[in-house]
Amino acid sequence: MPETQHRIAVDELHKIVEWTSAWYEQARAANFVSYPYQADNAVVARLRQYYRAGFTPAQAVEAYFGLALATLIPLQCACSGRR
């Protein structure tokens, strides 16, 4: 079975590290995460999607934690009072 490797250029790796660090700092500043924080596989997969889609770190914080909060807090319809 052939081994599949994804090689990336060193400069791209630096961009990814910078982007991830900025995401972490912004998530900490908004009190979504605290030190020490270790992302699980699901978080890493989602961040990978955001990075590839061209999100800024701030957009990724808003998208990830907004999505996480939306799953925890049911939305209420203002017009009918139903969920």
Protein backbone atom coordinates (compact mmCIF):
# COMPACT_ATOMS: atom_id res chain seq x y z
CA MET A 1 0.00 0.00 0.00
CA PRO A 2 1.56 3.30 -1.03
CA GLU A 3 2.13 5.87 1.65
CA THR A 4 0.41 9.18 0.98
CA GLN A 5 2.12 12.28 2.16
CA HIS A 6 1.03 15.84 1.85
CA ARG A 7 4.05 18.05 1.53
CA ILE A 8 3.73 21.76 1.91
CA ALA A 9 6.24 24.48 1.33
CA VAL A 10 8.00 25.92 4.35
CA ASP A 11 6.54 29.36 3.72
CA GLU A 12 3.02 27.88 3.66
CA LEU A 13 3.74 26.10 6.92
CA HIS A 14 4.77 29.42 8.46
CA LYS A 15 1.52 31.01 7.25
CA ILE A 16 -0.49 28.19 8.81
CA VAL A 17 1.35 28.51 12.13
CA GLU A 18 0.83 32.31 12.13
CA TRP A 19 -2.86 31.93 11.26
CA THR A 20 -3.41 29.29 13.95
CA SER A 21 -1.57 31.37 16.55
CA ALA A 22 -3.69 34.40 15.70
CA TRP A 23 -6.85 32.26 15.93
CA TYR A 24 -5.79 31.02 19.37
CA GLU A 25 -4.95 34.51 20.67
CA GLN A 26 -8.26 35.91 19.46
CA ALA A 27 -10.18 32.96 20.94
CA ARG A 28 -8.38 33.54 24.27
CA ALA A 29 -9.07 37.27 24.17
CA ALA A 30 -12.78 36.52 23.72
CA ASN A 31 -12.65 33.99 26.61
CA PHE A 32 -13.63 31.07 24.38
CA VAL A 33 -10.51 29.11 25.36
CA SER A 34 -8.00 29.34 28.17
CA TYR A 35 -4.39 28.38 28.64
CA PRO A 36 -3.38 25.63 28.23
CA TYR A 37 -5.61 24.74 25.30
CA GLN A 38 -5.23 21.68 23.14
CA ALA A 39 -7.58 21.38 20.20
CA ASP A 40 -9.08 17.97 19.53
CA ASN A 41 -9.30 16.41 16.07
CA ALA A 42 -12.73 17.90 15.36
CA VAL A 43 -11.50 21.43 16.08
CA VAL A 44 -8.39 20.92 13.94
CA ALA A 45 -10.50 19.62 11.05
CA ARG A 46 -12.84 22.61 11.27
CA LEU A 47 -9.95 25.08 11.46
CA ARG A 48 -8.35 23.43 8.44
CA GLN A 49 -11.58 24.02 6.50
CA TYR A 50 -11.73 27.65 7.58
CA TYR A 51 -8.08 28.24 6.62
CA ARG A 52 -8.53 26.64 3.21
CA ALA A 53 -11.69 28.68 2.63
CA GLY A 54 -9.72 31.88 3.21
CA PHE A 55 -11.21 32.90 6.56
CA THR A 56 -9.23 35.32 8.66
CA PRO A 57 -8.45 34.09 12.18
CA ALA A 58 -11.12 36.47 13.53
CA GLN A 59 -13.71 35.10 11.10
CA ALA A 60 -12.75 31.57 12.10
CA VAL A 61 -13.21 32.38 15.81
CA GLU A 62 -16.62 33.86 15.10
CA ALA A 63 -17.64 30.98 12.83
CA TYR A 64 -16.41 28.21 15.11
CA PHE A 65 -17.60 29.54 18.43
CA GLY A 66 -20.77 31.04 16.96
CA LEU A 67 -21.56 27.59 15.59
CA ALA A 68 -20.65 25.95 18.89
CA LEU A 69 -22.85 28.37 20.82
CA ALA A 70 -25.71 27.92 18.36
CA THR A 71 -25.74 24.20 19.05
CA LEU A 72 -25.91 24.82 22.80
CA ILE A 73 -28.40 27.67 22.86
CA PRO A 74 -31.64 26.98 20.98
CA LEU A 75 -32.82 29.89 18.90
CA GLN A 76 -36.24 31.27 19.66
CA CYS A 77 -38.57 32.63 17.04
CA ALA A 78 -39.54 36.13 18.16
CA CYS A 79 -42.80 36.10 16.23
CA SER A 80 -44.37 32.91 17.61
CA GLY A 81 -42.47 32.15 20.79
CA ARG A 82 -41.65 28.67 19.46
CA ARG A 83 -38.23 27.16 19.01
